[in-house]
Amino acid sequence: ADEERSGMATTLTAVLTDGSRVVLGHVG
């Protein structure tokens, strides 16, 4: 939608739970 955003990137670190299990997702 916007070529000026070309190259944009981010790290991402997340934890989530369903009430019994906990999962970590990570990049960066």
PDB file of all heavy atoms in Angstrom:
ATOM      1  N   ALA A   1       0.815  -1.221   0.000  1.00  0.00           N
ATOM      2  CA  ALA A   1       0.000   0.000   0.000  1.00  0.00           C
ATOM      3  C   ALA A   1       0.848   1.270   0.000  1.00  0.00           C
ATOM      4  O   ALA A   1       0.365   2.334  -0.402  1.00  0.00           O
ATOM      5  CB  ALA A   1      -0.916   0.001   1.224  1.00  0.00           C
ATOM      6  N   ASP A   2       2.105   1.173   0.426  1.00  0.00           N
ATOM      7  CA  ASP A   2       2.948   2.364   0.542  1.00  0.00           C
ATOM      8  C   ASP A   2       4.401   1.941   0.331  1.00  0.00           C
ATOM      9  O   ASP A   2       5.013   1.345   1.216  1.00  0.00           O
ATOM     10  CB  ASP A   2       2.762   3.010   1.913  1.00  0.00           C
ATOM     11  CG  ASP A   2       3.517   4.330   2.055  1.00  0.00           C
ATOM     12  OD1 ASP A   2       4.336   4.645   1.173  1.00  0.00           O
ATOM     13  OD2 ASP A   2       3.282   5.021   3.066  1.00  0.00           O
ATOM     14  N   GLU A   3       4.972   2.279  -0.825  1.00  0.00           N
ATOM     15  CA  GLU A   3       6.329   1.841  -1.148  1.00  0.00           C
ATOM     16  C   GLU A   3       7.374   2.443  -0.208  1.00  0.00           C
ATOM     17  O   GLU A   3       8.485   1.908  -0.083  1.00  0.00           O
ATOM     18  CB  GLU A   3       6.676   2.191  -2.586  1.00  0.00           C
ATOM     19  CG  GLU A   3       6.692   3.674  -2.899  1.00  0.00           C
ATOM     20  CD  GLU A   3       7.029   3.957  -4.355  1.00  0.00           C
ATOM     21  OE1 GLU A   3       6.980   3.018  -5.166  1.00  0.00           O
ATOM     22  OE2 GLU A   3       7.340   5.123  -4.662  1.00  0.00           O
ATOM     23  N   GLU A   4       7.041   3.544   0.483  1.00  0.00           N
ATOM     24  CA  GLU A   4       7.985   4.117   1.444  1.00  0.00           C
ATOM     25  C   GLU A   4       8.182   3.213   2.658  1.00  0.00           C
ATOM     26  O   GLU A   4       9.131   3.401   3.428  1.00  0.00           O
ATOM     27  CB  GLU A   4       7.510   5.497   1.890  1.00  0.00           C
ATOM     28  CG  GLU A   4       7.582   6.547   0.783  1.00  0.00           C
ATOM     29  CD  GLU A   4       7.260   7.937   1.283  1.00  0.00           C
ATOM     30  OE1 GLU A   4       6.999   8.070   2.505  1.00  0.00           O
ATOM     31  OE2 GLU A   4       7.275   8.876   0.468  1.00  0.00           O
ATOM     32  N   ARG A   5       7.295   2.229   2.820  1.00  0.00           N
ATOM     33  CA  ARG A   5       7.450   1.266   3.909  1.00  0.00           C
ATOM     34  C   ARG A   5       8.318   0.075   3.500  1.00  0.00           C
ATOM     35  O   ARG A   5       8.542  -0.832   4.311  1.00  0.00           O
ATOM     36  CB  ARG A   5       6.084   0.747   4.348  1.00  0.00           C
ATOM     37  CG  ARG A   5       5.169   1.792   4.955  1.00  0.00           C
ATOM     38  CD  ARG A   5       3.797   1.202   5.161  1.00  0.00           C
ATOM     39  NE  ARG A   5       2.862   2.139   5.786  1.00  0.00           N
ATOM     40  CZ  ARG A   5       1.547   1.980   5.782  1.00  0.00           C
ATOM     41  NH1 ARG A   5       1.015   0.923   5.177  1.00  0.00           N
ATOM     42  NH2 ARG A   5       0.767   2.864   6.368  1.00  0.00           N
ATOM     43  N   SER A   6       8.799   0.066   2.284  1.00  0.00           N
ATOM     44  CA  SER A   6       9.624  -1.038   1.823  1.00  0.00           C
ATOM     45  C   SER A   6      10.821  -1.219   2.745  1.00  0.00           C
ATOM     46  O   SER A   6      11.522  -0.261   3.069  1.00  0.00           O
ATOM     47  CB  SER A   6      10.098  -0.781   0.390  1.00  0.00           C
ATOM     48  OG  SER A   6      10.906  -1.830  -0.067  1.00  0.00           O
ATOM     49  N   GLY A   7      11.040  -2.446   3.200  1.00  0.00           N
ATOM     50  CA  GLY A   7      12.134  -2.729   4.120  1.00  0.00           C
ATOM     51  C   GLY A   7      11.741  -2.704   5.575  1.00  0.00           C
ATOM     52  O   GLY A   7      12.565  -3.023   6.449  1.00  0.00           O
ATOM     53  N   MET A   8      10.494  -2.321   5.892  1.00  0.00           N
ATOM     54  CA  MET A   8      10.116  -2.281   7.301  1.00  0.00           C
ATOM     55  C   MET A   8      10.122  -3.692   7.885  1.00  0.00           C
ATOM     56  O   MET A   8       9.758  -4.664   7.235  1.00  0.00           O
ATOM     57  CB  MET A   8       8.754  -1.618   7.494  1.00  0.00           C
ATOM     58  CG  MET A   8       7.540  -2.389   7.046  1.00  0.00           C
ATOM     59  SD  MET A   8       6.019  -1.463   7.482  1.00  0.00           S
ATOM     60  CE  MET A   8       4.761  -2.588   6.860  1.00  0.00           C
ATOM     61  N   ALA A   9      10.551  -3.780   9.125  1.00  0.00           N
ATOM     62  CA  ALA A   9      10.678  -5.070   9.790  1.00  0.00           C
ATOM     63  C   ALA A   9      10.601  -4.867  11.297  1.00  0.00           C
ATOM     64  O   ALA A   9      10.757  -3.751  11.808  1.00  0.00           O
ATOM     65  CB  ALA A   9      11.997  -5.736   9.411  1.00  0.00           C
ATOM     66  N   THR A  10      10.385  -5.963  12.009  1.00  0.00           N
ATOM     67  CA  THR A  10      10.261  -5.876  13.458  1.00  0.00           C
ATOM     68  C   THR A  10      10.717  -7.175  14.102  1.00  0.00           C
ATOM     69  O   THR A  10      10.632  -8.253  13.512  1.00  0.00           O
ATOM     70  CB  THR A  10       8.800  -5.583  13.861  1.00  0.00           C
ATOM     71  OG1 THR A  10       8.711  -5.436  15.286  1.00  0.00           O
ATOM     72  CG2 THR A  10       7.867  -6.694  13.421  1.00  0.00           C
ATOM     73  N   THR A  11      11.217  -7.063  15.309  1.00  0.00           N
ATOM     74  CA  THR A  11      11.363  -8.238  16.154  1.00  0.00           C
ATOM     75  C   THR A  11       9.979  -8.589  16.700  1.00  0.00           C
ATOM     76  O   THR A  11       9.049  -7.763  16.642  1.00  0.00           O
ATOM     77  CB  THR A  11      12.309  -7.974  17.335  1.00  0.00           C
ATOM     78  OG1 THR A  11      11.668  -7.094  18.273  1.00  0.00           O
ATOM     79  CG2 THR A  11      13.617  -7.349  16.857  1.00  0.00           C
ATOM     80  N   LEU A  12       9.844  -9.763  17.257  1.00  0.00           N
ATOM     81  CA  LEU A  12       8.571 -10.144  17.870  1.00  0.00           C
ATOM     82  C   LEU A  12       8.843 -11.211  18.920  1.00  0.00           C
ATOM     83  O   LEU A  12       9.414 -12.262  18.613  1.00  0.00           O
ATOM     84  CB  LEU A  12       7.594 -10.684  16.824  1.00  0.00           C
ATOM     85  CG  LEU A  12       6.210 -11.060  17.340  1.00  0.00           C
ATOM     86  CD1 LEU A  12       5.451  -9.817  17.787  1.00  0.00           C
ATOM     87  CD2 LEU A  12       5.407 -11.789  16.264  1.00  0.00           C
ATOM     88  N   THR A  13       8.460 -10.924  20.146  1.00  0.00           N
ATOM     89  CA  THR A  13       8.565 -11.889  21.238  1.00  0.00           C
ATOM     90  C   THR A  13       7.223 -11.914  21.944  1.00  0.00           C
ATOM     91  O   THR A  13       6.737 -10.870  22.389  1.00  0.00           O
ATOM     92  CB  THR A  13       9.691 -11.510  22.213  1.00  0.00           C
ATOM     93  OG1 THR A  13      10.926 -11.419  21.489  1.00  0.00           O
ATOM     94  CG2 THR A  13       9.835 -12.557  23.302  1.00  0.00           C
ATOM     95  N   ALA A  14       6.611 -13.089  22.019  1.00  0.00           N
ATOM     96  CA  ALA A  14       5.254 -13.186  22.553  1.00  0.00           C
ATOM     97  C   ALA A  14       5.099 -14.437  23.405  1.00  0.00           C
ATOM     98  O   ALA A  14       5.712 -15.475  23.129  1.00  0.00           O
ATOM     99  CB  ALA A  14       4.237 -13.226  21.406  1.00  0.00           C
ATOM    100  N   VAL A  15       4.286 -14.322  24.443  1.00  0.00           N
ATOM    101  CA  VAL A  15       3.876 -15.489  25.215  1.00  0.00           C
ATOM    102  C   VAL A  15       2.354 -15.509  25.250  1.00  0.00           C
ATOM    103  O   VAL A  15       1.710 -14.463  25.341  1.00  0.00           O
ATOM    104  CB  VAL A  15       4.430 -15.482  26.654  1.00  0.00           C
ATOM    105  CG1 VAL A  15       5.926 -15.747  26.658  1.00  0.00           C
ATOM    106  CG2 VAL A  15       4.109 -14.187  27.384  1.00  0.00           C
ATOM    107  N   LEU A  16       1.800 -16.704  25.154  1.00  0.00           N
ATOM    108  CA  LEU A  16       0.348 -16.824  25.291  1.00  0.00           C
ATOM    109  C   LEU A  16       0.017 -18.139  25.981  1.00  0.00           C
ATOM    110  O   LEU A  16       0.799 -19.086  25.969  1.00  0.00           O
ATOM    111  CB  LEU A  16      -0.357 -16.683  23.946  1.00  0.00           C
ATOM    112  CG  LEU A  16      -0.112 -17.711  22.853  1.00  0.00           C
ATOM    113  CD1 LEU A  16      -1.130 -18.842  22.950  1.00  0.00           C
ATOM    114  CD2 LEU A  16      -0.235 -17.058  21.487  1.00  0.00           C
ATOM    115  N   THR A  17      -1.150 -18.165  26.609  1.00  0.00           N
ATOM    116  CA  THR A  17      -1.594 -19.345  27.327  1.00  0.00           C
ATOM    117  C   THR A  17      -3.066 -19.609  27.055  1.00  0.00           C
ATOM    118  O   THR A  17      -3.838 -18.674  26.807  1.00  0.00           O
ATOM    119  CB  THR A  17      -1.358 -19.194  28.843  1.00  0.00           C
ATOM    120  OG1 THR A  17      -1.783 -20.387  29.508  1.00  0.00           O
ATOM    121  CG2 THR A  17      -2.110 -18.002  29.416  1.00  0.00           C
ATOM    122  N   ASP A  18      -3.421 -20.885  27.113  1.00  0.00           N
ATOM    123  CA  ASP A  18      -4.829 -21.267  27.019  1.00  0.00           C
ATOM    124  C   ASP A  18      -5.390 -21.592  28.398  1.00  0.00           C
ATOM    125  O   ASP A  18      -6.496 -22.118  28.525  1.00  0.00           O
ATOM    126  CB  ASP A  18      -5.007 -22.460  26.083  1.00  0.00           C
ATOM    127  CG  ASP A  18      -4.270 -23.713  26.567  1.00  0.00           C
ATOM    128  OD1 ASP A  18      -3.553 -23.640  27.588  1.00  0.00           O
ATOM    129  OD2 ASP A  18      -4.409 -24.773  25.917  1.00  0.00           O
ATOM    130  N   GLY A  19      -4.607 -21.296  29.421  1.00  0.00           N
ATOM    131  CA  GLY A  19      -5.034 -21.566  30.786  1.00  0.00           C
ATOM    132  C   GLY A  19      -4.309 -22.745  31.399  1.00  0.00           C
ATOM    133  O   GLY A  19      -4.283 -22.888  32.628  1.00  0.00           O
ATOM    134  N   SER A  20      -3.696 -23.571  30.558  1.00  0.00           N
ATOM    135  CA  SER A  20      -2.938 -24.697  31.086  1.00  0.00           C
ATOM    136  C   SER A  20      -1.542 -24.792  30.473  1.00  0.00           C
ATOM    137  O   SER A  20      -0.585 -25.159  31.147  1.00  0.00           O
ATOM    138  CB  SER A  20      -3.691 -26.015  30.848  1.00  0.00           C
ATOM    139  OG  SER A  20      -3.942 -26.221  29.467  1.00  0.00           O
ATOM    140  N   ARG A  21      -1.416 -24.452  29.200  1.00  0.00           N
ATOM    141  CA  ARG A  21      -0.119 -24.466  28.521  1.00  0.00           C
ATOM    142  C   ARG A  21       0.319 -23.035  28.225  1.00  0.00           C
ATOM    143  O   ARG A  21      -0.518 -22.165  27.980  1.00  0.00           O
ATOM    144  CB  ARG A  21      -0.199 -25.257  27.205  1.00  0.00           C
ATOM    145  CG  ARG A  21      -0.572 -26.714  27.384  1.00  0.00           C
ATOM    146  CD  ARG A  21      -1.004 -27.322  26.065  1.00  0.00           C
ATOM    147  NE  ARG A  21       0.027 -27.206  25.046  1.00  0.00           N
ATOM    148  CZ  ARG A  21      -0.210 -27.322  23.732  1.00  0.00           C
ATOM    149  NH1 ARG A  21      -1.442 -27.539  23.294  1.00  0.00           N
ATOM    150  NH2 ARG A  21       0.789 -27.206  22.878  1.00  0.00           N
ATOM    151  N   VAL A  22       1.634 -22.808  28.225  1.00  0.00           N
ATOM    152  CA  VAL A  22       2.205 -21.504  27.908  1.00  0.00           C
ATOM    153  C   VAL A  22       3.208 -21.691  26.777  1.00  0.00           C
ATOM    154  O   VAL A  22       4.078 -22.561  26.850  1.00  0.00           O
ATOM    155  CB  VAL A  22       2.891 -20.863  29.125  1.00  0.00           C
ATOM    156  CG1 VAL A  22       3.518 -19.527  28.736  1.00  0.00           C
ATOM    157  CG2 VAL A  22       1.901 -20.673  30.264  1.00  0.00           C
ATOM    158  N   VAL A  23       3.081 -20.858  25.740  1.00  0.00           N
ATOM    159  CA  VAL A  23       3.924 -20.978  24.553  1.00  0.00           C
ATOM    160  C   VAL A  23       4.644 -19.659  24.322  1.00  0.00           C
ATOM    161  O   VAL A  23       4.067 -18.580  24.479  1.00  0.00           O
ATOM    162  CB  VAL A  23       3.081 -21.357  23.317  1.00  0.00           C
ATOM    163  CG1 VAL A  23       3.929 -21.373  22.051  1.00  0.00           C
ATOM    164  CG2 VAL A  23       2.440 -22.721  23.520  1.00  0.00           C
ATOM    165  N   LEU A  24       5.926 -19.761  23.941  1.00  0.00           N
ATOM    166  CA  LEU A  24       6.751 -18.608  23.596  1.00  0.00           C
ATOM    167  C   LEU A  24       7.010 -18.602  22.097  1.00  0.00           C
ATOM    168  O   LEU A  24       7.387 -19.627  21.513  1.00  0.00           O
ATOM    169  CB  LEU A  24       8.089 -18.684  24.343  1.00  0.00           C
ATOM    170  CG  LEU A  24       9.205 -17.733  23.878  1.00  0.00           C
ATOM    171  CD1 LEU A  24       8.869 -16.300  24.249  1.00  0.00           C
ATOM    172  CD2 LEU A  24      10.546 -18.155  24.482  1.00  0.00           C
ATOM    173  N   GLY A  25       6.797 -17.454  21.460  1.00  0.00           N
ATOM    174  CA  GLY A  25       7.171 -17.259  20.071  1.00  0.00           C
ATOM    175  C   GLY A  25       8.194 -16.141  19.980  1.00  0.00           C
ATOM    176  O   GLY A  25       8.090 -15.143  20.712  1.00  0.00           O
ATOM    177  N   HIS A  26       9.176 -16.304  19.076  1.00  0.00           N
ATOM    178  CA  HIS A  26      10.267 -15.335  19.096  1.00  0.00           C
ATOM    179  C   HIS A  26      10.977 -15.260  17.749  1.00  0.00           C
ATOM    180  O   HIS A  26      11.266 -16.278  17.111  1.00  0.00           O
ATOM    181  CB  HIS A  26      11.275 -15.718  20.179  1.00  0.00           C
ATOM    182  CG  HIS A  26      12.530 -14.919  20.152  1.00  0.00           C
ATOM    183  ND1 HIS A  26      12.580 -13.594  20.548  1.00  0.00           N
ATOM    184  CD2 HIS A  26      13.777 -15.231  19.744  1.00  0.00           C
ATOM    185  CE1 HIS A  26      13.810 -13.142  20.405  1.00  0.00           C
ATOM    186  NE2 HIS A  26      14.564 -14.109  19.904  1.00  0.00           N
ATOM    187  N   VAL A  27      11.287 -14.027  17.339  1.00  0.00           N
ATOM    188  CA  VAL A  27      12.211 -13.782  16.238  1.00  0.00           C
ATOM    189  C   VAL A  27      12.879 -12.424  16.486  1.00  0.00           C
ATOM    190  O   VAL A  27      12.237 -11.478  16.921  1.00  0.00           O
ATOM    191  CB  VAL A  27      11.501 -13.817  14.866  1.00  0.00           C
ATOM    192  CG1 VAL A  27      10.470 -12.700  14.726  1.00  0.00           C
ATOM    193  CG2 VAL A  27      12.505 -13.774  13.726  1.00  0.00           C
ATOM    194  N   GLY A  28      14.193 -12.351  16.252  1.00  0.00           N
ATOM    195  CA  GLY A  28      14.902 -11.087  16.416  1.00  0.00           C
ATOM    196  C   GLY A  28      15.728 -11.030  17.683  1.00  0.00           C
ATOM    197  O   GLY A  28      16.159 -12.056  18.216  1.00  0.00           O
TER     198      GLY A  28
END
